[in-house]
Amino acid sequence: MERTEILSKLRDIFRDVLDNEEITLAETTSANDIEEWDSLANVQLIVEVESEFGIRFTSTEITSWKNIGDWISCIDSKI
């Protein structure tokens, strides 16, 4: 799966979980860029991403992510 495909799926998940159809994601997007993306939303996002891609993340992986590009790299390495 290409990084652009992963990004597109992530965008759809973020829009659904955060209930905001206006959200756009880039590899440089971080939680600071999206008002609705707080710690509770982060947990919900992780659960949805794991479900969508059929993967599991470790706590070490999750805490290392700085932006969407890090999420994509981690997903890409697991699928």
C-alpha atoms as a PDB file:
ATOM      1  CA  MET A   1       0.000   0.000   0.000  1.00  0.00           C
ATOM      2  CA  GLU A   2       1.313   3.422  -0.937  1.00  0.00           C
ATOM      3  CA  ARG A   3       1.834   6.170   1.637  1.00  0.00           C
ATOM      4  CA  THR A   4      -0.803   8.261  -0.146  1.00  0.00           C
ATOM      5  CA  GLU A   5      -3.360   5.465   0.287  1.00  0.00           C
ATOM      6  CA  ILE A   6      -2.544   5.197   3.997  1.00  0.00           C
ATOM      7  CA  LEU A   7      -2.843   8.993   4.327  1.00  0.00           C
ATOM      8  CA  SER A   8      -6.249   8.912   2.629  1.00  0.00           C
ATOM      9  CA  LYS A   9      -7.517   6.210   5.000  1.00  0.00           C
ATOM     10  CA  LEU A  10      -6.139   8.118   7.977  1.00  0.00           C
ATOM     11  CA  ARG A  11      -7.917  11.280   6.803  1.00  0.00           C
ATOM     12  CA  ASP A  12     -11.216   9.397   6.685  1.00  0.00           C
ATOM     13  CA  ILE A  13     -10.640   7.947  10.167  1.00  0.00           C
ATOM     14  CA  PHE A  14      -9.720  11.350  11.609  1.00  0.00           C
ATOM     15  CA  ARG A  15     -12.795  12.968  10.058  1.00  0.00           C
ATOM     16  CA  ASP A  16     -15.040  10.248  11.479  1.00  0.00           C
ATOM     17  CA  VAL A  17     -13.544  10.055  14.988  1.00  0.00           C
ATOM     18  CA  LEU A  18     -13.159  13.811  15.398  1.00  0.00           C
ATOM     19  CA  ASP A  19     -16.520  14.490  13.718  1.00  0.00           C
ATOM     20  CA  ASN A  20     -15.081  17.146  11.424  1.00  0.00           C
ATOM     21  CA  GLU A  21     -15.340  16.766   7.650  1.00  0.00           C
ATOM     22  CA  GLU A  22     -13.040  19.762   7.141  1.00  0.00           C
ATOM     23  CA  ILE A  23      -9.930  17.979   8.434  1.00  0.00           C
ATOM     24  CA  THR A  24      -7.095  17.686   5.960  1.00  0.00           C
ATOM     25  CA  LEU A  25      -3.943  15.759   6.766  1.00  0.00           C
ATOM     26  CA  ALA A  26      -0.388  16.050   5.527  1.00  0.00           C
ATOM     27  CA  GLU A  27       2.648  14.106   6.681  1.00  0.00           C
ATOM     28  CA  THR A  28       3.657  17.128   8.768  1.00  0.00           C
ATOM     29  CA  THR A  29       0.280  17.435  10.533  1.00  0.00           C
ATOM     30  CA  SER A  30       0.477  17.058  14.321  1.00  0.00           C
ATOM     31  CA  ALA A  31      -1.982  17.221  17.214  1.00  0.00           C
ATOM     32  CA  ASN A  32      -1.149  20.920  17.567  1.00  0.00           C
ATOM     33  CA  ASP A  33      -2.681  21.524  14.136  1.00  0.00           C
ATOM     34  CA  ILE A  34      -6.122  20.017  14.857  1.00  0.00           C
ATOM     35  CA  GLU A  35      -8.171  21.508  17.684  1.00  0.00           C
ATOM     36  CA  GLU A  36     -10.232  18.341  18.312  1.00  0.00           C
ATOM     37  CA  TRP A  37      -7.170  16.082  18.566  1.00  0.00           C
ATOM     38  CA  ASP A  38      -6.707  15.786  22.336  1.00  0.00           C
ATOM     39  CA  SER A  39      -5.462  12.850  24.424  1.00  0.00           C
ATOM     40  CA  LEU A  40      -8.839  11.085  24.528  1.00  0.00           C
ATOM     41  CA  ALA A  41      -9.297  11.511  20.792  1.00  0.00           C
ATOM     42  CA  ASN A  42      -5.781  10.153  20.293  1.00  0.00           C
ATOM     43  CA  VAL A  43      -6.750   6.889  22.004  1.00  0.00           C
ATOM     44  CA  GLN A  44      -9.896   6.651  19.871  1.00  0.00           C
ATOM     45  CA  LEU A  45      -7.878   7.340  16.720  1.00  0.00           C
ATOM     46  CA  ILE A  46      -5.336   4.654  17.563  1.00  0.00           C
ATOM     47  CA  VAL A  47      -8.073   2.070  18.196  1.00  0.00           C
ATOM     48  CA  GLU A  48      -9.763   2.905  14.892  1.00  0.00           C
ATOM     49  CA  VAL A  49      -6.484   2.803  12.947  1.00  0.00           C
ATOM     50  CA  GLU A  50      -5.578  -0.568  14.466  1.00  0.00           C
ATOM     51  CA  SER A  51      -9.003  -1.901  13.525  1.00  0.00           C
ATOM     52  CA  GLU A  52      -8.949  -0.475   9.981  1.00  0.00           C
ATOM     53  CA  PHE A  53      -5.507  -1.849   9.149  1.00  0.00           C
ATOM     54  CA  GLY A  54      -5.690  -5.047  11.246  1.00  0.00           C
ATOM     55  CA  ILE A  55      -2.547  -4.182  13.201  1.00  0.00           C
ATOM     56  CA  ARG A  56      -1.478  -3.408  16.768  1.00  0.00           C
ATOM     57  CA  PHE A  57       0.853  -0.675  17.993  1.00  0.00           C
ATOM     58  CA  THR A  58       3.165  -0.822  20.986  1.00  0.00           C
ATOM     59  CA  SER A  59       3.207   1.959  23.545  1.00  0.00           C
ATOM     60  CA  THR A  60       6.795   2.720  22.501  1.00  0.00           C
ATOM     61  CA  GLU A  61       5.708   3.231  18.900  1.00  0.00           C
ATOM     62  CA  ILE A  62       2.786   5.435  19.891  1.00  0.00           C
ATOM     63  CA  THR A  63       4.845   7.691  22.138  1.00  0.00           C
ATOM     64  CA  SER A  64       7.477   8.156  19.420  1.00  0.00           C
ATOM     65  CA  TRP A  65       5.040   9.655  16.881  1.00  0.00           C
ATOM     66  CA  LYS A  66       5.472  13.374  16.290  1.00  0.00           C
ATOM     67  CA  ASN A  67       3.250  13.779  13.219  1.00  0.00           C
ATOM     68  CA  ILE A  68       1.106  11.946  10.676  1.00  0.00           C
ATOM     69  CA  GLY A  69       4.205  10.951   8.705  1.00  0.00           C
ATOM     70  CA  ASP A  70       5.343   8.933  11.737  1.00  0.00           C
ATOM     71  CA  TRP A  71       1.934   7.233  11.899  1.00  0.00           C
ATOM     72  CA  ILE A  72       2.167   6.373   8.200  1.00  0.00           C
ATOM     73  CA  SER A  73       5.694   4.965   8.527  1.00  0.00           C
ATOM     74  CA  CYS A  74       4.639   2.794  11.437  1.00  0.00           C
ATOM     75  CA  ILE A  75       1.506   1.525   9.647  1.00  0.00           C
ATOM     76  CA  ASP A  76       3.499   0.898   6.480  1.00  0.00           C
ATOM     77  CA  SER A  77       6.032  -1.208   8.388  1.00  0.00           C
ATOM     78  CA  LYS A  78       3.247  -3.437   9.750  1.00  0.00           C
ATOM     79  CA  ILE A  79       1.168  -4.082   6.608  1.00  0.00           C
END
